[in-house]
Each structure stands twice: as C-alpha cells, then as structure tokens.
PDB file of all heavy atoms in Angstrom:
ATOM      1  N   ILE A   1      10.123 -15.295  -0.931  1.00  0.00           N
ATOM      2  CA  ILE A   1       8.866 -14.846  -0.506  1.00  0.00           C
ATOM      3  C   ILE A   1       8.767 -15.074   1.017  1.00  0.00           C
ATOM      4  O   ILE A   1       8.283 -14.225   1.809  1.00  0.00           O
ATOM      5  CB  ILE A   1       7.648 -15.341  -1.274  1.00  0.00           C
ATOM      6  CG1 ILE A   1       7.654 -14.797  -2.664  1.00  0.00           C
ATOM      7  CG2 ILE A   1       6.356 -14.986  -0.601  1.00  0.00           C
ATOM      8  CD1 ILE A   1       7.579 -13.322  -2.761  1.00  0.00           C
ATOM      9  N   GLU A   2       9.095 -16.249   1.447  1.00  0.00           N
ATOM     10  CA  GLU A   2       8.867 -16.574   2.860  1.00  0.00           C
ATOM     11  C   GLU A   2       9.708 -15.793   3.722  1.00  0.00           C
ATOM     12  O   GLU A   2       9.217 -15.234   4.820  1.00  0.00           O
ATOM     13  CB  GLU A   2       9.328 -18.095   3.086  1.00  0.00           C
ATOM     14  CG  GLU A   2       9.041 -18.689   4.431  1.00  0.00           C
ATOM     15  CD  GLU A   2       7.544 -18.846   4.731  1.00  0.00           C
ATOM     16  OE1 GLU A   2       6.744 -19.121   3.773  1.00  0.00           O
ATOM     17  OE2 GLU A   2       7.102 -18.695   5.841  1.00  0.00           O
ATOM     18  N   ARG A   3      10.910 -15.489   3.341  1.00  0.00           N
ATOM     19  CA  ARG A   3      11.822 -14.636   4.188  1.00  0.00           C
ATOM     20  C   ARG A   3      11.243 -13.195   4.094  1.00  0.00           C
ATOM     21  O   ARG A   3      11.276 -12.383   5.169  1.00  0.00           O
ATOM     22  CB  ARG A   3      13.130 -14.635   3.549  1.00  0.00           C
ATOM     23  CG  ARG A   3      13.970 -15.848   3.926  1.00  0.00           C
ATOM     24  CD  ARG A   3      15.398 -15.652   3.437  1.00  0.00           C
ATOM     25  NE  ARG A   3      15.814 -16.910   2.953  1.00  0.00           N
ATOM     26  CZ  ARG A   3      16.821 -17.203   2.119  1.00  0.00           C
ATOM     27  NH1 ARG A   3      17.424 -16.172   1.577  1.00  0.00           N
ATOM     28  NH2 ARG A   3      17.182 -18.386   1.819  1.00  0.00           N
ATOM     29  N   LEU A   4      10.694 -12.721   3.015  1.00  0.00           N
ATOM     30  CA  LEU A   4      10.266 -11.327   2.829  1.00  0.00           C
ATOM     31  C   LEU A   4       9.028 -11.130   3.846  1.00  0.00           C
ATOM     32  O   LEU A   4       8.816  -9.995   4.221  1.00  0.00           O
ATOM     33  CB  LEU A   4       9.844 -10.952   1.492  1.00  0.00           C
ATOM     34  CG  LEU A   4      11.036 -11.013   0.489  1.00  0.00           C
ATOM     35  CD1 LEU A   4      10.435 -10.767  -0.989  1.00  0.00           C
ATOM     36  CD2 LEU A   4      11.924  -9.796   0.849  1.00  0.00           C
ATOM     37  N   GLU A   5       8.207 -12.075   3.972  1.00  0.00           N
ATOM     38  CA  GLU A   5       7.011 -11.993   4.829  1.00  0.00           C
ATOM     39  C   GLU A   5       7.381 -11.594   6.312  1.00  0.00           C
ATOM     40  O   GLU A   5       6.619 -11.056   6.971  1.00  0.00           O
ATOM     41  CB  GLU A   5       6.173 -13.286   4.898  1.00  0.00           C
ATOM     42  CG  GLU A   5       5.501 -13.538   3.569  1.00  0.00           C
ATOM     43  CD  GLU A   5       4.730 -14.893   3.611  1.00  0.00           C
ATOM     44  OE1 GLU A   5       4.779 -15.639   4.642  1.00  0.00           O
ATOM     45  OE2 GLU A   5       3.982 -15.134   2.633  1.00  0.00           O
ATOM     46  N   HIS A   6       8.641 -11.986   6.743  1.00  0.00           N
ATOM     47  CA  HIS A   6       9.011 -11.718   8.033  1.00  0.00           C
ATOM     48  C   HIS A   6       9.936 -10.570   8.234  1.00  0.00           C
ATOM     49  O   HIS A   6      10.417 -10.385   9.347  1.00  0.00           O
ATOM     50  CB  HIS A   6       9.647 -12.977   8.727  1.00  0.00           C
ATOM     51  CG  HIS A   6       8.709 -14.205   8.582  1.00  0.00           C
ATOM     52  ND1 HIS A   6       7.532 -14.377   9.321  1.00  0.00           N
ATOM     53  CD2 HIS A   6       8.681 -15.255   7.837  1.00  0.00           C
ATOM     54  CE1 HIS A   6       6.978 -15.435   9.050  1.00  0.00           C
ATOM     55  NE2 HIS A   6       7.581 -16.057   8.184  1.00  0.00           N
ATOM     56  N   ALA A   7      10.250  -9.948   7.183  1.00  0.00           N
ATOM     57  CA  ALA A   7      11.170  -8.697   7.275  1.00  0.00           C
ATOM     58  C   ALA A   7      10.486  -7.533   7.716  1.00  0.00           C
ATOM     59  O   ALA A   7       9.556  -7.080   7.116  1.00  0.00           O
ATOM     60  CB  ALA A   7      11.794  -8.403   5.846  1.00  0.00           C
ATOM     61  N   ARG A   8      10.779  -7.098   9.039  1.00  0.00           N
ATOM     62  CA  ARG A   8      10.005  -5.966   9.604  1.00  0.00           C
ATOM     63  C   ARG A   8      10.194  -4.684   8.803  1.00  0.00           C
ATOM     64  O   ARG A   8       9.165  -3.826   8.675  1.00  0.00           O
ATOM     65  CB  ARG A   8      10.486  -5.635  11.052  1.00  0.00           C
ATOM     66  CG  ARG A   8      10.144  -6.875  12.040  1.00  0.00           C
ATOM     67  CD  ARG A   8      10.533  -6.437  13.397  1.00  0.00           C
ATOM     68  NE  ARG A   8      10.192  -7.420  14.328  1.00  0.00           N
ATOM     69  CZ  ARG A   8       9.005  -7.761  14.901  1.00  0.00           C
ATOM     70  NH1 ARG A   8       8.022  -6.969  14.590  1.00  0.00           N
ATOM     71  NH2 ARG A   8       8.851  -8.636  15.746  1.00  0.00           N
ATOM     72  N   ARG A   9      11.284  -4.391   8.280  1.00  0.00           N
ATOM     73  CA  ARG A   9      11.503  -3.153   7.586  1.00  0.00           C
ATOM     74  C   ARG A   9      10.591  -3.275   6.180  1.00  0.00           C
ATOM     75  O   ARG A   9      10.013  -2.179   5.952  1.00  0.00           O
ATOM     76  CB  ARG A   9      12.927  -2.967   7.140  1.00  0.00           C
ATOM     77  CG  ARG A   9      13.854  -2.567   8.267  1.00  0.00           C
ATOM     78  CD  ARG A   9      15.207  -2.317   7.770  1.00  0.00           C
ATOM     79  NE  ARG A   9      16.088  -1.895   8.942  1.00  0.00           N
ATOM     80  CZ  ARG A   9      17.306  -1.825   8.784  1.00  0.00           C
ATOM     81  NH1 ARG A   9      17.962  -2.129   7.717  1.00  0.00           N
ATOM     82  NH2 ARG A   9      18.014  -1.501   9.893  1.00  0.00           N
ATOM     83  N   LEU A  10      10.525  -4.304   5.665  1.00  0.00           N
ATOM     84  CA  LEU A  10       9.699  -4.409   4.399  1.00  0.00           C
ATOM     85  C   LEU A  10       8.170  -4.271   4.812  1.00  0.00           C
ATOM     86  O   LEU A  10       7.441  -3.673   4.113  1.00  0.00           O
ATOM     87  CB  LEU A  10       9.904  -5.748   3.772  1.00  0.00           C
ATOM     88  CG  LEU A  10       9.230  -5.884   2.436  1.00  0.00           C
ATOM     89  CD1 LEU A  10       9.556  -4.979   1.454  1.00  0.00           C
ATOM     90  CD2 LEU A  10       9.514  -7.381   1.868  1.00  0.00           C
ATOM     91  N   GLN A  11       7.851  -4.865   5.975  1.00  0.00           N
ATOM     92  CA  GLN A  11       6.443  -4.727   6.481  1.00  0.00           C
ATOM     93  C   GLN A  11       5.994  -3.273   6.622  1.00  0.00           C
ATOM     94  O   GLN A  11       4.927  -2.769   6.288  1.00  0.00           O
ATOM     95  CB  GLN A  11       6.126  -5.510   7.703  1.00  0.00           C
ATOM     96  CG  GLN A  11       6.223  -7.058   7.395  1.00  0.00           C
ATOM     97  CD  GLN A  11       5.944  -7.807   8.735  1.00  0.00           C
ATOM     98  OE1 GLN A  11       6.166  -7.273   9.861  1.00  0.00           O
ATOM     99  NE2 GLN A  11       5.874  -9.154   8.552  1.00  0.00           N
ATOM    100  N   ALA A  12       6.969  -2.439   7.183  1.00  0.00           N
ATOM    101  CA  ALA A  12       6.736  -0.995   7.296  1.00  0.00           C
ATOM    102  C   ALA A  12       6.557  -0.333   6.030  1.00  0.00           C
ATOM    103  O   ALA A  12       5.607   0.541   5.837  1.00  0.00           O
ATOM    104  CB  ALA A  12       7.753  -0.434   8.181  1.00  0.00           C
ATOM    105  N   ALA A  13       7.417  -0.605   5.076  1.00  0.00           N
ATOM    106  CA  ALA A  13       7.364  -0.037   3.809  1.00  0.00           C
ATOM    107  C   ALA A  13       6.094  -0.368   3.078  1.00  0.00           C
ATOM    108  O   ALA A  13       5.447   0.447   2.453  1.00  0.00           O
ATOM    109  CB  ALA A  13       8.538  -0.422   2.858  1.00  0.00           C
ATOM    110  N   LEU A  14       5.659  -1.691   3.145  1.00  0.00           N
ATOM    111  CA  LEU A  14       4.433  -2.025   2.527  1.00  0.00           C
ATOM    112  C   LEU A  14       3.138  -1.471   3.229  1.00  0.00           C
ATOM    113  O   LEU A  14       2.282  -1.167   2.597  1.00  0.00           O
ATOM    114  CB  LEU A  14       4.327  -3.555   2.569  1.00  0.00           C
ATOM    115  CG  LEU A  14       5.322  -4.322   1.519  1.00  0.00           C
ATOM    116  CD1 LEU A  14       5.097  -5.808   1.709  1.00  0.00           C
ATOM    117  CD2 LEU A  14       5.095  -3.752   0.201  1.00  0.00           C
ATOM    118  N   SER A  15       3.263  -1.119   4.483  1.00  0.00           N
ATOM    119  CA  SER A  15       2.172  -0.452   5.174  1.00  0.00           C
ATOM    120  C   SER A  15       1.969   0.947   4.626  1.00  0.00           C
ATOM    121  O   SER A  15       0.927   1.494   4.331  1.00  0.00           O
ATOM    122  CB  SER A  15       2.421  -0.322   6.624  1.00  0.00           C
ATOM    123  OG  SER A  15       2.331  -1.609   7.237  1.00  0.00           O
ATOM    124  N   GLY A  16       3.170   1.601   4.280  1.00  0.00           N
ATOM    125  CA  GLY A  16       3.097   2.986   3.699  1.00  0.00           C
ATOM    126  C   GLY A  16       2.529   2.813   2.169  1.00  0.00           C
ATOM    127  O   GLY A  16       1.792   3.698   1.758  1.00  0.00           O
ATOM    128  N   VAL A  17       2.851   1.766   1.436  1.00  0.00           N
ATOM    129  CA  VAL A  17       2.337   1.618   0.238  1.00  0.00           C
ATOM    130  C   VAL A  17       0.900   1.377   0.197  1.00  0.00           C
ATOM    131  O   VAL A  17       0.116   1.954  -0.554  1.00  0.00           O
ATOM    132  CB  VAL A  17       3.068   0.420  -0.504  1.00  0.00           C
ATOM    133  CG1 VAL A  17       2.332   0.039  -1.715  1.00  0.00           C
ATOM    134  CG2 VAL A  17       4.467   0.728  -0.809  1.00  0.00           C
ATOM    135  N   THR A  18       0.455   0.615   1.227  1.00  0.00           N
ATOM    136  CA  THR A  18      -1.037   0.433   1.433  1.00  0.00           C
ATOM    137  C   THR A  18      -1.725   1.652   1.697  1.00  0.00           C
ATOM    138  O   THR A  18      -2.892   2.021   1.079  1.00  0.00           O
ATOM    139  CB  THR A  18      -1.256  -0.570   2.553  1.00  0.00           C
ATOM    140  OG1 THR A  18      -0.567  -1.814   2.299  1.00  0.00           O
ATOM    141  CG2 THR A  18      -2.831  -0.902   2.806  1.00  0.00           C
ATOM    142  N   ALA A  19      -1.129   2.556   2.503  1.00  0.00           N
ATOM    143  CA  ALA A  19      -1.768   3.933   2.707  1.00  0.00           C
ATOM    144  C   ALA A  19      -1.845   4.706   1.438  1.00  0.00           C
ATOM    145  O   ALA A  19      -2.866   5.421   1.174  1.00  0.00           O
ATOM    146  CB  ALA A  19      -1.023   4.644   3.826  1.00  0.00           C
ATOM    147  N   ALA A  20      -0.813   4.619   0.576  1.00  0.00           N
ATOM    148  CA  ALA A  20      -0.804   5.331  -0.632  1.00  0.00           C
ATOM    149  C   ALA A  20      -1.860   4.806  -1.646  1.00  0.00           C
ATOM    150  O   ALA A  20      -2.449   5.537  -2.343  1.00  0.00           O
ATOM    151  CB  ALA A  20       0.524   5.339  -1.201  1.00  0.00           C
ATOM    152  N   VAL A  21      -1.954   3.517  -1.549  1.00  0.00           N
ATOM    153  CA  VAL A  21      -2.981   2.840  -2.502  1.00  0.00           C
ATOM    154  C   VAL A  21      -4.452   3.333  -2.122  1.00  0.00           C
ATOM    155  O   VAL A  21      -5.295   3.571  -3.048  1.00  0.00           O
ATOM    156  CB  VAL A  21      -2.910   1.284  -2.394  1.00  0.00           C
ATOM    157  CG1 VAL A  21      -3.982   0.618  -3.121  1.00  0.00           C
ATOM    158  CG2 VAL A  21      -1.568   0.882  -3.004  1.00  0.00           C
ATOM    159  N   VAL A  22      -4.757   3.489  -0.857  1.00  0.00           N
ATOM    160  CA  VAL A  22      -6.043   4.046  -0.452  1.00  0.00           C
ATOM    161  C   VAL A  22      -6.306   5.334  -1.172  1.00  0.00           C
ATOM    162  O   VAL A  22      -7.399   5.630  -1.642  1.00  0.00           O
ATOM    163  CB  VAL A  22      -6.187   4.140   1.010  1.00  0.00           C
ATOM    164  CG1 VAL A  22      -7.505   4.807   1.475  1.00  0.00           C
ATOM    165  CG2 VAL A  22      -6.151   2.682   1.650  1.00  0.00           C
ATOM    166  N   GLY A  23      -5.299   6.252  -1.127  1.00  0.00           N
ATOM    167  CA  GLY A  23      -5.336   7.494  -1.678  1.00  0.00           C
ATOM    168  C   GLY A  23      -5.506   7.383  -3.297  1.00  0.00           C
ATOM    169  O   GLY A  23      -6.411   8.205  -3.807  1.00  0.00           O
ATOM    170  N   VAL A  24      -4.784   6.486  -3.913  1.00  0.00           N
ATOM    171  CA  VAL A  24      -4.939   6.337  -5.322  1.00  0.00           C
ATOM    172  C   VAL A  24      -6.359   5.802  -5.651  1.00  0.00           C
ATOM    173  O   VAL A  24      -7.027   6.288  -6.701  1.00  0.00           O
ATOM    174  CB  VAL A  24      -3.832   5.413  -5.800  1.00  0.00           C
ATOM    175  CG1 VAL A  24      -4.105   4.956  -7.289  1.00  0.00           C
ATOM    176  CG2 VAL A  24      -2.523   6.107  -5.716  1.00  0.00           C
ATOM    177  N   ILE A  25      -6.946   4.959  -4.917  1.00  0.00           N
ATOM    178  CA  ILE A  25      -8.266   4.430  -5.156  1.00  0.00           C
ATOM    179  C   ILE A  25      -9.329   5.501  -4.974  1.00  0.00           C
ATOM    180  O   ILE A  25     -10.306   5.692  -5.731  1.00  0.00           O
ATOM    181  CB  ILE A  25      -8.545   3.242  -4.254  1.00  0.00           C
ATOM    182  CG1 ILE A  25      -7.762   2.020  -4.727  1.00  0.00           C
ATOM    183  CG2 ILE A  25     -10.042   2.877  -4.291  1.00  0.00           C
ATOM    184  CD1 ILE A  25      -7.736   0.843  -3.723  1.00  0.00           C
ATOM    185  N   ALA A  26      -9.023   6.428  -3.904  1.00  0.00           N
ATOM    186  CA  ALA A  26      -9.947   7.524  -3.765  1.00  0.00           C
ATOM    187  C   ALA A  26      -9.871   8.514  -4.966  1.00  0.00           C
ATOM    188  O   ALA A  26     -10.859   9.018  -5.373  1.00  0.00           O
ATOM    189  CB  ALA A  26      -9.667   8.289  -2.451  1.00  0.00           C
ATOM    190  N   ASN A  27      -8.716   8.657  -5.465  1.00  0.00           N
ATOM    191  CA  ASN A  27      -8.519   9.531  -6.703  1.00  0.00           C
ATOM    192  C   ASN A  27      -9.280   8.836  -7.796  1.00  0.00           C
ATOM    193  O   ASN A  27      -9.965   9.675  -8.544  1.00  0.00           O
ATOM    194  CB  ASN A  27      -7.015   9.601  -7.064  1.00  0.00           C
ATOM    195  CG  ASN A  27      -6.792  10.586  -8.211  1.00  0.00           C
ATOM    196  OD1 ASN A  27      -7.406  11.535  -8.384  1.00  0.00           O
ATOM    197  ND2 ASN A  27      -5.841  10.074  -9.129  1.00  0.00           N
ATOM    198  N   LEU A  28      -9.282   7.612  -8.083  1.00  0.00           N
ATOM    199  CA  LEU A  28      -9.953   6.974  -9.080  1.00  0.00           C
ATOM    200  C   LEU A  28     -11.484   7.138  -8.831  1.00  0.00           C
ATOM    201  O   LEU A  28     -12.254   7.565  -9.862  1.00  0.00           O
ATOM    202  CB  LEU A  28      -9.663   5.402  -9.209  1.00  0.00           C
ATOM    203  CG  LEU A  28     -10.493   4.726 -10.192  1.00  0.00           C
ATOM    204  CD1 LEU A  28     -10.082   5.138 -11.617  1.00  0.00           C
ATOM    205  CD2 LEU A  28     -10.168   3.171 -10.169  1.00  0.00           C
ATOM    206  N   GLY A  29     -11.975   7.033  -7.684  1.00  0.00           N
ATOM    207  CA  GLY A  29     -13.343   7.284  -7.509  1.00  0.00           C
ATOM    208  C   GLY A  29     -13.814   8.596  -7.770  1.00  0.00           C
ATOM    209  O   GLY A  29     -14.904   8.869  -8.393  1.00  0.00           O
ATOM    210  N   LEU A  30     -12.973   9.571  -7.371  1.00  0.00           N
ATOM    211  CA  LEU A  30     -13.260  11.039  -7.747  1.00  0.00           C
ATOM    212  C   LEU A  30     -13.251  11.282  -9.224  1.00  0.00           C
ATOM    213  O   LEU A  30     -14.063  12.040  -9.698  1.00  0.00           O
ATOM    214  CB  LEU A  30     -12.310  11.916  -6.999  1.00  0.00           C
ATOM    215  CG  LEU A  30     -12.476  12.085  -5.455  1.00  0.00           C
ATOM    216  CD1 LEU A  30     -11.394  12.865  -4.813  1.00  0.00           C
ATOM    217  CD2 LEU A  30     -13.883  12.778  -5.157  1.00  0.00           C
ATOM    218  N   TRP A  31     -12.259  10.718  -9.912  1.00  0.00           N
ATOM    219  CA  TRP A  31     -12.114  10.885 -11.422  1.00  0.00           C
ATOM    220  C   TRP A  31     -13.400  10.410 -12.058  1.00  0.00           C
ATOM    221  O   TRP A  31     -14.054  10.975 -12.903  1.00  0.00           O
ATOM    222  CB  TRP A  31     -10.819  10.193 -11.878  1.00  0.00           C
ATOM    223  CG  TRP A  31     -10.652  10.476 -13.311  1.00  0.00           C
ATOM    224  CD1 TRP A  31      -9.799  11.487 -13.824  1.00  0.00           C
ATOM    225  CD2 TRP A  31     -11.133   9.761 -14.500  1.00  0.00           C
ATOM    226  NE1 TRP A  31      -9.804  11.455 -15.153  1.00  0.00           N
ATOM    227  CE2 TRP A  31     -10.682  10.338 -15.571  1.00  0.00           C
ATOM    228  CE3 TRP A  31     -12.009   8.740 -14.667  1.00  0.00           C
ATOM    229  CZ2 TRP A  31     -10.945  10.037 -16.871  1.00  0.00           C
ATOM    230  CZ3 TRP A  31     -12.281   8.257 -15.772  1.00  0.00           C
ATOM    231  CH2 TRP A  31     -11.863   8.925 -16.977  1.00  0.00           C
ATOM    232  N   PHE A  32     -13.708   9.116 -11.622  1.00  0.00           N
ATOM    233  CA  PHE A  32     -14.974   8.388 -12.154  1.00  0.00           C
ATOM    234  C   PHE A  32     -16.110   9.302 -11.971  1.00  0.00           C
ATOM    235  O   PHE A  32     -17.031   9.553 -12.821  1.00  0.00           O
ATOM    236  CB  PHE A  32     -15.017   7.044 -11.653  1.00  0.00           C
ATOM    237  CG  PHE A  32     -15.882   6.143 -12.544  1.00  0.00           C
ATOM    238  CD1 PHE A  32     -15.962   6.243 -13.737  1.00  0.00           C
ATOM    239  CD2 PHE A  32     -16.379   5.045 -11.906  1.00  0.00           C
ATOM    240  CE1 PHE A  32     -16.675   5.232 -14.607  1.00  0.00           C
ATOM    241  CE2 PHE A  32     -17.210   4.041 -12.545  1.00  0.00           C
ATOM    242  CZ  PHE A  32     -17.199   4.142 -13.969  1.00  0.00           C
ATOM    243  N   ALA A  33     -16.387   9.762 -10.643  1.00  0.00           N
ATOM    244  CA  ALA A  33     -17.518  10.481 -10.336  1.00  0.00           C
ATOM    245  C   ALA A  33     -17.575  11.838 -11.155  1.00  0.00           C
ATOM    246  O   ALA A  33     -18.595  12.276 -11.687  1.00  0.00           O
ATOM    247  CB  ALA A  33     -17.615  10.850  -8.936  1.00  0.00           C
TER     248      ALA A  33
END
C-alpha cells in the first residue's frame, strides 16, 4: 500500500475512477428520485 500511494500511473487511474464514481452516484440519485 505504501508503494501504491506514490505510484503516479496508479494515481492517474484512480482519478479516472473517482470521476466515474461521481457519475455513478448521480445515477443512483436519479434512480432514487
């Protein structure tokens, strides 16, 4: 885990995942509404 925290490529990939998660949460809000 310590090494993974400093891996630049992994940080970029996780930023993309974070953006996708925002979309998924918006989808849940719309489904619920």
